[in-house]
Amino acid sequence: MSFELTYLWSHMGFLVKMVVLIMLFMSVWTIAVGVERLIYYQKAKKQSNTLLRLIGKLWQEGKIEESIKLASDIKFKNSHLAKVLVAGLNELKFQEDAKASYVEQVESAKRAIERATIKGVHEFKRGLNVLATVGSTAPFVGLFGTVFGIINSFQSMSISGSGGIGTVAAGIAEALISTGVGIGVAIIAVWFFNSLLNKVDIFTGEMANASSELIDHFIKLKRKGA
């Protein structure tokens, strides 16, 4: 009795084959989402580091409009820090033009930054729900295929009247492929999910630090001008 994958696949029932194909699709989907997120995060990190180097001098000189123009540049479109800084700087500029009080300017900028941060976090988490769903359901989908595979195996033995250890072992091996594939898909999905979620936490902290530095710098500028 052969236990090669091609042999086992050819002897699988239709339902078990469909389950395996579904899980293979889930694995491709998981890898695609994970790789896309990793590339996006890498771009965000690289662009944000470049932006911080360029915008520091403008902050020191109090050039708000120039800072907004720089952070709004298309080359920083993936930067999480650019989105937070643009939101805060635009609100500061608007409140200054509206002759709002110092307290109103600071509070309005904080609220704008908070909204931009929440929006940025949601963007970073896009697709992670897919990884969480695949990671939690793939093993059960695999077990579903295994159960029906074993049922079909015993039904075949009952009809044919043969039930040697080789026949039983082959039938169980065919069915257990479904479970193995499900566990493998779940491992990939959970690894991507935990890794990416950790990166999201880091980016969230960076956005919080950048917004805090922006507000502190604005307060210092106002005190100097007072």
N, C-alpha and C. Protein backbone atom coordinates (compact mmCIF):
# COMPACT_ATOMS: atom_id res chain seq x y z
N MET A 1 0.85 -1.20 0.00
CA MET A 1 0.00 0.00 0.00
C MET A 1 0.88 1.25 0.00
N SER A 2 0.67 2.12 -0.96
CA SER A 2 1.48 3.34 -1.08
C SER A 2 0.90 4.46 -0.23
N PHE A 3 1.79 5.23 0.40
CA PHE A 3 1.36 6.37 1.20
C PHE A 3 1.88 7.69 0.62
N GLU A 4 2.22 7.66 -0.66
CA GLU A 4 2.65 8.87 -1.32
C GLU A 4 1.48 9.85 -1.43
N LEU A 5 1.79 11.15 -1.43
CA LEU A 5 0.74 12.16 -1.45
C LEU A 5 -0.14 12.04 -2.69
N THR A 6 0.49 11.75 -3.84
CA THR A 6 -0.30 11.64 -5.07
C THR A 6 -1.30 10.48 -4.98
N TYR A 7 -0.86 9.39 -4.37
CA TYR A 7 -1.75 8.24 -4.22
C TYR A 7 -2.88 8.56 -3.26
N LEU A 8 -2.51 9.16 -2.12
CA LEU A 8 -3.52 9.51 -1.12
C LEU A 8 -4.54 10.49 -1.68
N TRP A 9 -4.03 11.46 -2.46
CA TRP A 9 -4.94 12.46 -3.06
C TRP A 9 -5.93 11.80 -4.03
N SER A 10 -5.42 10.87 -4.81
CA SER A 10 -6.28 10.21 -5.80
C SER A 10 -7.36 9.36 -5.15
N HIS A 11 -7.12 8.93 -3.89
CA HIS A 11 -8.10 8.08 -3.21
C HIS A 11 -8.96 8.84 -2.21
N MET A 12 -8.76 10.15 -2.12
CA MET A 12 -9.60 10.96 -1.23
C MET A 12 -11.01 11.10 -1.80
N GLY A 13 -11.96 11.26 -0.87
CA GLY A 13 -13.32 11.55 -1.29
C GLY A 13 -13.44 12.97 -1.81
N PHE A 14 -14.54 13.25 -2.52
CA PHE A 14 -14.75 14.58 -3.10
C PHE A 14 -14.77 15.66 -2.03
N LEU A 15 -15.49 15.42 -0.94
CA LEU A 15 -15.62 16.43 0.12
C LEU A 15 -14.27 16.74 0.76
N VAL A 16 -13.48 15.71 1.01
CA VAL A 16 -12.16 15.92 1.62
C VAL A 16 -11.26 16.71 0.68
N LYS A 17 -11.33 16.40 -0.61
CA LYS A 17 -10.54 17.16 -1.58
C LYS A 17 -10.93 18.64 -1.58
N MET A 18 -12.24 18.90 -1.49
CA MET A 18 -12.71 20.29 -1.46
C MET A 18 -12.19 21.02 -0.21
N VAL A 19 -12.19 20.31 0.92
CA VAL A 19 -11.69 20.90 2.16
C VAL A 19 -10.21 21.24 2.04
N VAL A 20 -9.43 20.34 1.47
CA VAL A 20 -8.00 20.59 1.29
C VAL A 20 -7.77 21.77 0.35
N LEU A 21 -8.52 21.83 -0.73
CA LEU A 21 -8.38 22.94 -1.67
C LEU A 21 -8.76 24.27 -1.02
N ILE A 22 -9.81 24.25 -0.21
CA ILE A 22 -10.22 25.47 0.50
C ILE A 22 -9.11 25.94 1.42
N MET A 23 -8.47 25.01 2.12
CA MET A 23 -7.41 25.38 3.04
C MET A 23 -6.16 25.85 2.31
N LEU A 24 -5.90 25.27 1.14
CA LEU A 24 -4.78 25.77 0.34
C LEU A 24 -5.05 27.20 -0.12
N PHE A 25 -6.30 27.47 -0.47
CA PHE A 25 -6.67 28.84 -0.83
C PHE A 25 -6.50 29.77 0.37
N MET A 26 -6.89 29.30 1.55
CA MET A 26 -6.73 30.09 2.77
C MET A 26 -5.26 30.38 3.04
N SER A 27 -4.40 29.39 2.76
CA SER A 27 -2.97 29.60 3.00
C SER A 27 -2.40 30.65 2.05
N VAL A 28 -2.81 30.59 0.78
CA VAL A 28 -2.35 31.58 -0.20
C VAL A 28 -2.84 32.97 0.19
N TRP A 29 -4.09 33.04 0.61
CA TRP A 29 -4.68 34.31 1.04
C TRP A 29 -3.92 34.87 2.24
N THR A 30 -3.62 33.99 3.19
CA THR A 30 -2.90 34.39 4.40
C THR A 30 -1.52 34.94 4.06
N ILE A 31 -0.79 34.22 3.23
CA ILE A 31 0.56 34.66 2.86
C ILE A 31 0.50 35.98 2.09
N ALA A 32 -0.49 36.12 1.21
CA ALA A 32 -0.63 37.35 0.42
C ALA A 32 -0.88 38.54 1.33
N VAL A 33 -1.79 38.38 2.29
CA VAL A 33 -2.10 39.46 3.23
C VAL A 33 -0.88 39.78 4.09
N GLY A 34 -0.22 38.74 4.60
CA GLY A 34 0.94 38.95 5.45
C GLY A 34 2.08 39.66 4.75
N VAL A 35 2.38 39.23 3.53
CA VAL A 35 3.47 39.86 2.78
C VAL A 35 3.12 41.30 2.42
N GLU A 36 1.85 41.53 2.01
CA GLU A 36 1.43 42.89 1.66
C GLU A 36 1.55 43.83 2.85
N ARG A 37 1.16 43.34 4.04
CA ARG A 37 1.27 44.16 5.25
C ARG A 37 2.72 44.44 5.61
N LEU A 38 3.58 43.43 5.48
CA LEU A 38 5.00 43.62 5.80
C LEU A 38 5.63 44.67 4.88
N ILE A 39 5.28 44.61 3.59
CA ILE A 39 5.80 45.60 2.64
C ILE A 39 5.29 46.99 2.98
N TYR A 40 4.00 47.08 3.33
CA TYR A 40 3.41 48.37 3.68
C TYR A 40 4.06 48.95 4.94
N TYR A 41 4.28 48.09 5.93
CA TYR A 41 4.91 48.55 7.18
C TYR A 41 6.34 49.01 6.94
N GLN A 42 7.05 48.30 6.06
CA GLN A 42 8.42 48.68 5.76
C GLN A 42 8.46 50.05 5.09
N LYS A 43 7.55 50.29 4.15
CA LYS A 43 7.47 51.60 3.50
C LYS A 43 7.14 52.69 4.51
N ALA A 44 6.20 52.41 5.40
CA ALA A 44 5.80 53.39 6.41
C ALA A 44 6.98 53.75 7.31
N LYS A 45 7.73 52.76 7.72
CA LYS A 45 8.89 53.00 8.59
C LYS A 45 9.96 53.81 7.88
N LYS A 46 10.26 53.43 6.65
CA LYS A 46 11.31 54.11 5.88
C LYS A 46 10.93 55.56 5.60
N GLN A 47 9.69 55.80 5.16
CA GLN A 47 9.25 57.15 4.84
C GLN A 47 9.16 58.02 6.10
N SER A 48 8.75 57.44 7.20
CA SER A 48 8.64 58.20 8.45
C SER A 48 10.02 58.62 8.96
N ASN A 49 11.00 57.73 8.86
CA ASN A 49 12.35 58.08 9.29
C ASN A 49 12.93 59.21 8.45
N THR A 50 12.67 59.16 7.13
CA THR A 50 13.14 60.23 6.25
C THR A 50 12.45 61.54 6.57
N LEU A 51 11.15 61.49 6.83
CA LEU A 51 10.39 62.70 7.15
C LEU A 51 10.89 63.36 8.42
N LEU A 52 11.16 62.57 9.43
CA LEU A 52 11.63 63.14 10.71
C LEU A 52 12.96 63.87 10.54
N ARG A 53 13.83 63.33 9.70
CA ARG A 53 15.12 63.99 9.48
C ARG A 53 14.94 65.33 8.78
N LEU A 54 13.99 65.39 7.86
CA LEU A 54 13.80 66.61 7.07
C LEU A 54 12.98 67.67 7.79
N ILE A 55 12.04 67.25 8.62
CA ILE A 55 11.11 68.19 9.20
C ILE A 55 11.63 68.81 10.50
N GLY A 56 12.65 68.19 11.07
CA GLY A 56 13.17 68.70 12.34
C GLY A 56 13.63 70.15 12.26
N LYS A 57 14.34 70.50 11.20
CA LYS A 57 14.84 71.87 11.05
C LYS A 57 13.70 72.86 10.88
N LEU A 58 12.67 72.48 10.14
CA LEU A 58 11.52 73.36 9.93
C LEU A 58 10.80 73.62 11.24
N TRP A 59 10.71 72.62 12.09
CA TRP A 59 10.08 72.80 13.40
C TRP A 59 10.86 73.81 14.23
N GLN A 60 12.16 73.67 14.22
CA GLN A 60 12.99 74.57 15.02
C GLN A 60 12.83 76.03 14.58
N GLU A 61 12.57 76.23 13.30
CA GLU A 61 12.40 77.58 12.77
C GLU A 61 10.95 78.05 12.83
N GLY A 62 10.07 77.19 13.33
CA GLY A 62 8.66 77.57 13.46
C GLY A 62 7.93 77.71 12.13
N LYS A 63 8.38 77.02 11.10
CA LYS A 63 7.77 77.13 9.78
C LYS A 63 6.66 76.08 9.64
N ILE A 64 5.46 76.46 10.03
CA ILE A 64 4.34 75.52 10.03
C ILE A 64 3.89 75.18 8.61
N GLU A 65 3.74 76.22 7.78
CA GLU A 65 3.27 75.99 6.41
C GLU A 65 4.25 75.10 5.63
N GLU A 66 5.53 75.36 5.79
CA GLU A 66 6.54 74.54 5.11
C GLU A 66 6.52 73.10 5.63
N SER A 67 6.27 72.95 6.93
CA SER A 67 6.19 71.61 7.52
C SER A 67 4.99 70.85 6.97
N ILE A 68 3.86 71.55 6.83
CA ILE A 68 2.66 70.92 6.28
C ILE A 68 2.91 70.49 4.84
N LYS A 69 3.52 71.36 4.07
CA LYS A 69 3.81 71.06 2.66
C LYS A 69 4.72 69.84 2.55
N LEU A 70 5.74 69.78 3.40
CA LEU A 70 6.68 68.66 3.35
C LEU A 70 5.99 67.35 3.73
N ALA A 71 5.23 67.36 4.84
CA ALA A 71 4.58 66.14 5.31
C ALA A 71 3.47 65.68 4.37
N SER A 72 2.93 66.62 3.58
CA SER A 72 1.85 66.28 2.63
C SER A 72 2.37 65.78 1.30
N ASP A 73 3.68 65.81 1.11
CA ASP A 73 4.27 65.36 -0.15
C ASP A 73 3.91 63.90 -0.42
N ILE A 74 3.66 63.60 -1.69
CA ILE A 74 3.24 62.25 -2.07
C ILE A 74 4.28 61.19 -1.74
N LYS A 75 5.54 61.58 -1.63
CA LYS A 75 6.58 60.59 -1.32
C LYS A 75 6.49 60.10 0.12
N PHE A 76 5.63 60.75 0.92
CA PHE A 76 5.41 60.31 2.30
C PHE A 76 3.98 59.79 2.50
N LYS A 77 3.36 59.34 1.40
CA LYS A 77 1.95 58.93 1.46
C LYS A 77 1.72 57.71 2.36
N ASN A 78 2.74 56.89 2.54
CA ASN A 78 2.59 55.71 3.40
C ASN A 78 3.09 55.93 4.82
N SER A 79 3.60 57.12 5.09
CA SER A 79 4.16 57.41 6.42
C SER A 79 3.05 57.63 7.45
N HIS A 80 3.09 56.86 8.51
CA HIS A 80 2.11 57.04 9.58
C HIS A 80 2.35 58.33 10.34
N LEU A 81 3.61 58.72 10.46
CA LEU A 81 3.92 59.96 11.16
C LEU A 81 3.49 61.17 10.34
N ALA A 82 3.59 61.08 9.02
CA ALA A 82 3.18 62.20 8.16
C ALA A 82 1.70 62.50 8.35
N LYS A 83 0.89 61.46 8.44
CA LYS A 83 -0.55 61.65 8.59
C LYS A 83 -0.89 62.33 9.92
N VAL A 84 -0.19 61.92 10.96
CA VAL A 84 -0.43 62.52 12.29
C VAL A 84 0.04 63.97 12.31
N LEU A 85 1.22 64.22 11.76
CA LEU A 85 1.78 65.57 11.78
C LEU A 85 0.97 66.53 10.91
N VAL A 86 0.53 66.06 9.75
CA VAL A 86 -0.29 66.91 8.88
C VAL A 86 -1.58 67.31 9.58
N ALA A 87 -2.21 66.34 10.24
CA ALA A 87 -3.45 66.62 10.95
C ALA A 87 -3.24 67.66 12.05
N GLY A 88 -2.19 67.48 12.84
CA GLY A 88 -1.91 68.42 13.92
C GLY A 88 -1.50 69.79 13.42
N LEU A 89 -0.62 69.83 12.43
CA LEU A 89 -0.15 71.11 11.90
C LEU A 89 -1.25 71.88 11.18
N ASN A 90 -2.08 71.17 10.44
CA ASN A 90 -3.20 71.84 9.76
C ASN A 90 -4.16 72.46 10.75
N GLU A 91 -4.41 71.74 11.83
CA GLU A 91 -5.32 72.27 12.84
C GLU A 91 -4.71 73.47 13.55
N LEU A 92 -3.41 73.41 13.84
CA LEU A 92 -2.73 74.56 14.46
C LEU A 92 -2.80 75.77 13.55
N LYS A 93 -2.55 75.57 12.27
CA LYS A 93 -2.59 76.67 11.31
C LYS A 93 -3.99 77.27 11.22
N PHE A 94 -4.99 76.40 11.19
CA PHE A 94 -6.37 76.86 11.10
C PHE A 94 -6.76 77.67 12.33
N GLN A 95 -6.41 77.17 13.49
CA GLN A 95 -6.76 77.86 14.74
C GLN A 95 -6.01 79.19 14.87
N GLU A 96 -4.76 79.21 14.40
CA GLU A 96 -4.02 80.47 14.43
C GLU A 96 -4.65 81.51 13.50
N ASP A 97 -5.04 81.07 12.31
CA ASP A 97 -5.68 81.99 11.37
C ASP A 97 -7.03 82.48 11.90
N ALA A 98 -7.70 81.63 12.69
CA ALA A 98 -9.00 82.00 13.26
C ALA A 98 -8.85 82.82 14.53
N LYS A 99 -7.61 83.14 14.91
CA LYS A 99 -7.32 83.93 16.11
C LYS A 99 -7.87 83.27 17.38
N ALA A 100 -7.80 81.95 17.41
CA ALA A 100 -8.26 81.24 18.60
C ALA A 100 -7.27 81.42 19.74
N SER A 101 -7.73 81.20 20.93
CA SER A 101 -6.85 81.34 22.10
C SER A 101 -5.81 80.23 22.11
N TYR A 102 -4.80 80.46 22.92
CA TYR A 102 -3.70 79.49 23.03
C TYR A 102 -4.22 78.12 23.46
N VAL A 103 -5.11 78.09 24.44
CA VAL A 103 -5.65 76.83 24.95
C VAL A 103 -6.47 76.13 23.87
N GLU A 104 -7.28 76.89 23.15
CA GLU A 104 -8.09 76.30 22.08
C GLU A 104 -7.23 75.72 20.97
N GLN A 105 -6.15 76.41 20.66
CA GLN A 105 -5.25 75.90 19.62
C GLN A 105 -4.66 74.55 20.03
N VAL A 106 -4.18 74.47 21.25
CA VAL A 106 -3.57 73.23 21.73
C VAL A 106 -4.59 72.09 21.78
N GLU A 107 -5.76 72.35 22.35
CA GLU A 107 -6.78 71.32 22.48
C GLU A 107 -7.29 70.85 21.12
N SER A 108 -7.48 71.78 20.21
CA SER A 108 -7.95 71.41 18.87
C SER A 108 -6.91 70.56 18.15
N ALA A 109 -5.63 70.92 18.30
CA ALA A 109 -4.56 70.14 17.68
C ALA A 109 -4.50 68.73 18.27
N LYS A 110 -4.69 68.63 19.57
CA LYS A 110 -4.67 67.31 20.22
C LYS A 110 -5.79 66.43 19.69
N ARG A 111 -6.99 67.00 19.55
CA ARG A 111 -8.12 66.22 19.04
C ARG A 111 -7.90 65.77 17.60
N ALA A 112 -7.34 66.68 16.79
CA ALA A 112 -7.05 66.33 15.39
C ALA A 112 -6.03 65.20 15.31
N ILE A 113 -5.02 65.27 16.17
CA ILE A 113 -3.98 64.25 16.20
C ILE A 113 -4.56 62.91 16.66
N GLU A 114 -5.43 62.95 17.65
CA GLU A 114 -6.05 61.72 18.14
C GLU A 114 -6.88 61.05 17.05
N ARG A 115 -7.63 61.86 16.29
CA ARG A 115 -8.43 61.30 15.18
C ARG A 115 -7.53 60.68 14.12
N ALA A 116 -6.44 61.38 13.80
CA ALA A 116 -5.51 60.86 12.79
C ALA A 116 -4.83 59.58 13.27
N THR A 117 -4.52 59.53 14.55
CA THR A 117 -3.89 58.34 15.12
C THR A 117 -4.82 57.14 15.04
N ILE A 118 -6.08 57.34 15.42
CA ILE A 118 -7.06 56.25 15.37
C ILE A 118 -7.23 55.75 13.94
N LYS A 119 -7.31 56.70 13.00
CA LYS A 119 -7.44 56.33 11.60
C LYS A 119 -6.20 55.57 11.11
N GLY A 120 -5.02 56.02 11.56
CA GLY A 120 -3.79 55.35 11.18
C GLY A 120 -3.70 53.94 11.71
N VAL A 121 -4.15 53.74 12.96
CA VAL A 121 -4.13 52.40 13.56
C VAL A 121 -5.07 51.47 12.81
N HIS A 122 -6.25 51.99 12.45
CA HIS A 122 -7.19 51.17 11.67
C HIS A 122 -6.58 50.75 10.34
N GLU A 123 -5.85 51.67 9.71
CA GLU A 123 -5.21 51.35 8.43
C GLU A 123 -4.14 50.28 8.61
N PHE A 124 -3.38 50.39 9.69
CA PHE A 124 -2.34 49.38 9.95
C PHE A 124 -2.94 48.01 10.23
N LYS A 125 -4.12 47.99 10.85
CA LYS A 125 -4.74 46.72 11.22
C LYS A 125 -5.56 46.11 10.09
N ARG A 126 -5.64 46.81 8.96
CA ARG A 126 -6.41 46.28 7.84
C ARG A 126 -5.84 44.94 7.39
N GLY A 127 -6.67 43.94 7.32
CA GLY A 127 -6.25 42.61 6.91
C GLY A 127 -5.90 41.68 8.05
N LEU A 128 -5.65 42.23 9.24
CA LEU A 128 -5.28 41.37 10.37
C LEU A 128 -6.44 40.50 10.84
N ASN A 129 -7.68 40.99 10.63
CA ASN A 129 -8.84 40.17 10.99
C ASN A 129 -8.91 38.90 10.14
N VAL A 130 -8.42 39.00 8.91
CA VAL A 130 -8.37 37.82 8.04
C VAL A 130 -7.41 36.79 8.63
N LEU A 131 -6.26 37.25 9.06
CA LEU A 131 -5.26 36.33 9.65
C LEU A 131 -5.79 35.70 10.93
N ALA A 132 -6.47 36.51 11.76
CA ALA A 132 -7.02 35.97 13.00
C ALA A 132 -8.09 34.92 12.72
N THR A 133 -8.93 35.19 11.74
CA THR A 133 -10.01 34.25 11.39
C THR A 133 -9.44 32.95 10.85
N VAL A 134 -8.48 33.05 9.95
CA VAL A 134 -7.87 31.84 9.38
C VAL A 134 -7.15 31.05 10.47
N GLY A 135 -6.41 31.75 11.33
CA GLY A 135 -5.67 31.07 12.38
C GLY A 135 -6.56 30.31 13.35
N SER A 136 -7.76 30.83 13.60
CA SER A 136 -8.65 30.18 14.57
C SER A 136 -9.56 29.12 13.95
N THR A 137 -9.82 29.22 12.66
CA THR A 137 -10.77 28.29 12.03
C THR A 137 -10.12 27.18 11.21
N ALA A 138 -8.90 27.40 10.71
CA ALA A 138 -8.26 26.41 9.84
C ALA A 138 -8.17 25.01 10.46
N PRO A 139 -7.77 24.87 11.74
CA PRO A 139 -7.71 23.52 12.32
C PRO A 139 -9.07 22.83 12.33
N PHE A 140 -10.14 23.59 12.58
CA PHE A 140 -11.47 23.00 12.63
C PHE A 140 -11.95 22.60 11.23
N VAL A 141 -11.60 23.42 10.24
CA VAL A 141 -11.92 23.06 8.86
C VAL A 141 -11.20 21.76 8.49
N GLY A 142 -9.94 21.64 8.91
CA GLY A 142 -9.20 20.41 8.67
C GLY A 142 -9.82 19.21 9.35
N LEU A 143 -10.26 19.39 10.59
CA LEU A 143 -10.91 18.29 11.31
C LEU A 143 -12.23 17.89 10.65
N PHE A 144 -12.92 18.89 10.11
CA PHE A 144 -14.16 18.61 9.39
C PHE A 144 -13.89 17.65 8.23
N GLY A 145 -12.84 17.94 7.46
CA GLY A 145 -12.48 17.06 6.36
C GLY A 145 -12.04 15.69 6.84
N THR A 146 -11.32 15.66 7.96
CA THR A 146 -10.84 14.39 8.49
C THR A 146 -11.98 13.49 8.93
N VAL A 147 -12.96 14.07 9.61
CA VAL A 147 -14.11 13.29 10.08
C VAL A 147 -14.82 12.61 8.91
N PHE A 148 -15.10 13.40 7.87
CA PHE A 148 -15.80 12.82 6.73
C PHE A 148 -14.90 11.86 5.95
N GLY A 149 -13.59 12.11 5.98
CA GLY A 149 -12.67 11.19 5.33
C GLY A 149 -12.68 9.83 6.01
N ILE A 150 -12.68 9.83 7.34
CA ILE A 150 -12.71 8.57 8.08
C ILE A 150 -14.04 7.86 7.88
N ILE A 151 -15.13 8.65 7.88
CA ILE A 151 -16.45 8.05 7.64
C ILE A 151 -16.49 7.37 6.28
N ASN A 152 -15.98 8.06 5.27
CA ASN A 152 -15.97 7.48 3.92
C ASN A 152 -15.10 6.23 3.87
N SER A 153 -13.99 6.26 4.61
CA SER A 153 -13.09 5.10 4.63
C SER A 153 -13.78 3.88 5.22
N PHE A 154 -14.48 4.05 6.33
CA PHE A 154 -15.18 2.92 6.95
C PHE A 154 -16.35 2.45 6.11
N GLN A 155 -17.01 3.39 5.44
CA GLN A 155 -18.10 3.00 4.56
C GLN A 155 -17.59 2.15 3.40
N SER A 156 -16.43 2.56 2.84
CA SER A 156 -15.84 1.79 1.75
C SER A 156 -15.46 0.39 2.20
N MET A 157 -14.89 0.27 3.42
CA MET A 157 -14.52 -1.04 3.95
C MET A 157 -15.75 -1.90 4.19
N SER A 158 -16.84 -1.26 4.63
CA SER A 158 -18.08 -2.00 4.89
C SER A 158 -18.68 -2.55 3.61
N ILE A 159 -18.61 -1.75 2.55
CA ILE A 159 -19.17 -2.17 1.27
C ILE A 159 -18.33 -3.28 0.63
N SER A 160 -16.99 -3.10 0.67
CA SER A 160 -16.10 -4.06 0.02
C SER A 160 -15.91 -5.32 0.84
N GLY A 161 -16.10 -5.19 2.17
CA GLY A 161 -15.94 -6.35 3.04
C GLY A 161 -14.51 -6.61 3.43
N SER A 162 -13.57 -5.75 3.02
CA SER A 162 -12.16 -5.92 3.39
C SER A 162 -11.81 -4.91 4.46
N GLY A 163 -11.10 -5.34 5.49
CA GLY A 163 -10.78 -4.42 6.59
C GLY A 163 -9.46 -4.70 7.24
N GLY A 164 -8.47 -5.05 6.46
CA GLY A 164 -7.14 -5.31 6.99
C GLY A 164 -6.51 -4.05 7.54
N ILE A 165 -5.43 -4.23 8.29
CA ILE A 165 -4.75 -3.09 8.89
C ILE A 165 -4.23 -2.13 7.83
N GLY A 166 -3.82 -2.67 6.69
CA GLY A 166 -3.33 -1.81 5.61
C GLY A 166 -4.42 -0.93 5.06
N THR A 167 -5.60 -1.50 4.89
CA THR A 167 -6.73 -0.72 4.37
C THR A 167 -7.14 0.37 5.35
N VAL A 168 -7.20 0.00 6.64
CA VAL A 168 -7.57 0.98 7.67
C VAL A 168 -6.54 2.09 7.76
N ALA A 169 -5.26 1.71 7.75
CA ALA A 169 -4.20 2.71 7.85
C ALA A 169 -4.21 3.67 6.67
N ALA A 170 -4.44 3.13 5.47
CA ALA A 170 -4.47 3.99 4.27
C ALA A 170 -5.63 4.97 4.34
N GLY A 171 -6.79 4.48 4.78
CA GLY A 171 -7.97 5.36 4.87
C GLY A 171 -7.76 6.47 5.88
N ILE A 172 -7.19 6.14 7.03
CA ILE A 172 -6.94 7.15 8.06
C ILE A 172 -5.88 8.15 7.60
N ALA A 173 -4.86 7.65 6.91
CA ALA A 173 -3.81 8.54 6.39
C ALA A 173 -4.40 9.56 5.41
N GLU A 174 -5.27 9.09 4.54
CA GLU A 174 -5.93 9.99 3.59
C GLU A 174 -6.71 11.07 4.32
N ALA A 175 -7.43 10.66 5.36
CA ALA A 175 -8.27 11.60 6.11
C ALA A 175 -7.43 12.60 6.91
N LEU A 176 -6.33 12.13 7.48
CA LEU A 176 -5.52 12.99 8.35
C LEU A 176 -4.74 14.06 7.59
N ILE A 177 -4.60 13.90 6.27
CA ILE A 177 -3.96 14.96 5.49
C ILE A 177 -4.71 16.27 5.67
N SER A 178 -6.02 16.19 5.73
CA SER A 178 -6.85 17.38 5.91
C SER A 178 -6.51 18.09 7.22
N THR A 179 -6.36 17.32 8.29
CA THR A 179 -6.00 17.92 9.59
C THR A 179 -4.61 18.53 9.55
N GLY A 180 -3.67 17.82 8.93
CA GLY A 180 -2.31 18.34 8.84
C GLY A 180 -2.24 19.65 8.08
N VAL A 181 -2.96 19.73 6.97
CA VAL A 181 -2.98 20.97 6.19
C VAL A 181 -3.61 22.09 7.00
N GLY A 182 -4.69 21.78 7.73
CA GLY A 182 -5.36 22.80 8.55
C GLY A 182 -4.45 23.35 9.63
N ILE A 183 -3.70 22.49 10.29
CA ILE A 183 -2.77 22.94 11.33
C ILE A 183 -1.66 23.78 10.72
N GLY A 184 -1.14 23.35 9.57
CA GLY A 184 -0.09 24.12 8.91
C GLY A 184 -0.55 25.52 8.52
N VAL A 185 -1.75 25.62 7.98
CA VAL A 185 -2.30 26.93 7.59
C VAL A 185 -2.48 27.80 8.83
N ALA A 186 -2.97 27.21 9.92
CA ALA A 186 -3.18 27.97 11.15
C ALA A 186 -1.87 28.51 11.72
N ILE A 187 -0.82 27.70 11.65
CA ILE A 187 0.49 28.15 12.16
C ILE A 187 0.97 29.37 11.38
N ILE A 188 0.85 29.32 10.07
CA ILE A 188 1.28 30.46 9.24
C ILE A 188 0.48 31.71 9.58
N ALA A 189 -0.84 31.54 9.69
CA ALA A 189 -1.72 32.69 9.96
C ALA A 189 -1.44 33.30 11.33
N VAL A 190 -1.27 32.46 12.35
CA VAL A 190 -1.02 32.96 13.70
C VAL A 190 0.34 33.64 13.78
N TRP A 191 1.33 33.09 13.10
CA TRP A 191 2.66 33.71 13.11
C TRP A 191 2.60 35.11 12.49
N PHE A 192 1.96 35.21 11.33
CA PHE A 192 1.82 36.51 10.68
C PHE A 192 1.04 37.48 11.57
N PHE A 193 -0.04 37.01 12.16
CA PHE A 193 -0.90 37.87 12.98
C PHE A 193 -0.13 38.44 14.16
N ASN A 194 0.55 37.58 14.92
CA ASN A 194 1.29 38.05 16.09
C ASN A 194 2.44 38.98 15.71
N SER A 195 3.15 38.64 14.65
CA SER A 195 4.26 39.48 14.19
C SER A 195 3.78 40.85 13.75
N LEU A 196 2.71 40.89 12.96
CA LEU A 196 2.20 42.16 12.46
C LEU A 196 1.56 42.99 13.56
N LEU A 197 0.87 42.33 14.48
CA LEU A 197 0.24 43.05 15.58
C LEU A 197 1.29 43.73 16.45
N ASN A 198 2.42 43.07 16.63
CA ASN A 198 3.52 43.67 17.40
C ASN A 198 4.05 44.92 16.70
N LYS A 199 4.13 44.87 15.37
CA LYS A 199 4.57 46.04 14.61
C LYS A 199 3.56 47.18 14.71
N VAL A 200 2.28 46.84 14.71
CA VAL A 200 1.23 47.87 14.85
C VAL A 200 1.37 48.58 16.20
N ASP A 201 1.64 47.83 17.25
CA ASP A 201 1.84 48.43 18.57
C ASP A 201 3.02 49.40 18.56
N ILE A 202 4.09 49.02 17.86
CA ILE A 202 5.26 49.90 17.76
C ILE A 202 4.91 51.18 17.01
N PHE A 203 4.21 51.05 15.89
CA PHE A 203 3.81 52.22 15.11
C PHE A 203 2.87 53.13 15.90
N THR A 204 1.98 52.52 16.68
CA THR A 204 1.05 53.31 17.50
C THR A 204 1.83 54.13 18.52
N GLY A 205 2.83 53.51 19.13
CA GLY A 205 3.67 54.25 20.07
C GLY A 205 4.44 55.37 19.40
N GLU A 206 4.92 55.13 18.19
CA GLU A 206 5.65 56.17 17.47
C GLU A 206 4.74 57.36 17.14
N MET A 207 3.49 57.07 16.76
CA MET A 207 2.55 58.15 16.46
C MET A 207 2.23 58.95 17.71
N ALA A 208 2.09 58.26 18.84
CA ALA A 208 1.81 58.95 20.09
C ALA A 208 2.99 59.84 20.50
N ASN A 209 4.21 59.32 20.32
CA ASN A 209 5.40 60.11 20.66
C ASN A 209 5.55 61.33 19.75
N ALA A 210 5.30 61.13 18.45
CA ALA A 210 5.42 62.24 17.50
C ALA A 210 4.40 63.33 17.79
N SER A 211 3.19 62.93 18.11
CA SER A 211 2.15 63.92 18.41
C SER A 211 2.48 64.68 19.69
N SER A 212 3.02 63.96 20.67
CA SER A 212 3.40 64.61 21.93
C SER A 212 4.52 65.62 21.70
N GLU A 213 5.50 65.22 20.89
CA GLU A 213 6.61 66.13 20.59
C GLU A 213 6.14 67.36 19.82
N LEU A 214 5.17 67.17 18.93
CA LEU A 214 4.64 68.30 18.17
C LEU A 214 3.95 69.30 19.09
N ILE A 215 3.13 68.80 19.99
CA ILE A 215 2.42 69.69 20.92
C ILE A 215 3.41 70.39 21.85
N ASP A 216 4.39 69.64 22.36
CA ASP A 216 5.39 70.25 23.24
C ASP A 216 6.18 71.33 22.52
N HIS A 217 6.52 71.07 21.25
CA HIS A 217 7.28 72.06 20.48
C HIS A 217 6.43 73.30 20.23
N PHE A 218 5.14 73.10 19.96
CA PHE A 218 4.25 74.23 19.75
C PHE A 218 4.13 75.08 21.01
N ILE A 219 4.04 74.41 22.15
CA ILE A 219 3.93 75.14 23.42
C ILE A 219 5.19 75.96 23.67
N LYS A 220 6.36 75.39 23.37
CA LYS A 220 7.62 76.12 23.56
C LYS A 220 7.69 77.35 22.66
N LEU A 221 7.24 77.18 21.40
CA LEU A 221 7.23 78.31 20.47
C LEU A 221 6.33 79.44 20.98
N LYS A 222 5.17 79.06 21.50
CA LYS A 222 4.25 80.08 22.00
C LYS A 222 4.81 80.80 23.22
N ARG A 223 5.50 80.07 24.06
CA ARG A 223 6.09 80.69 25.25
C ARG A 223 7.22 81.66 24.84
N LYS A 224 7.97 81.28 23.83
CA LYS A 224 9.03 82.19 23.35
C LYS A 224 8.43 83.45 22.76
N GLY A 225 7.29 83.27 22.06
CA GLY A 225 6.68 84.42 21.42
C GLY A 225 5.90 85.28 22.37
N ALA A 226 5.62 84.72 23.55
CA ALA A 226 4.82 85.50 24.53
C ALA A 226 5.65 86.60 25.16
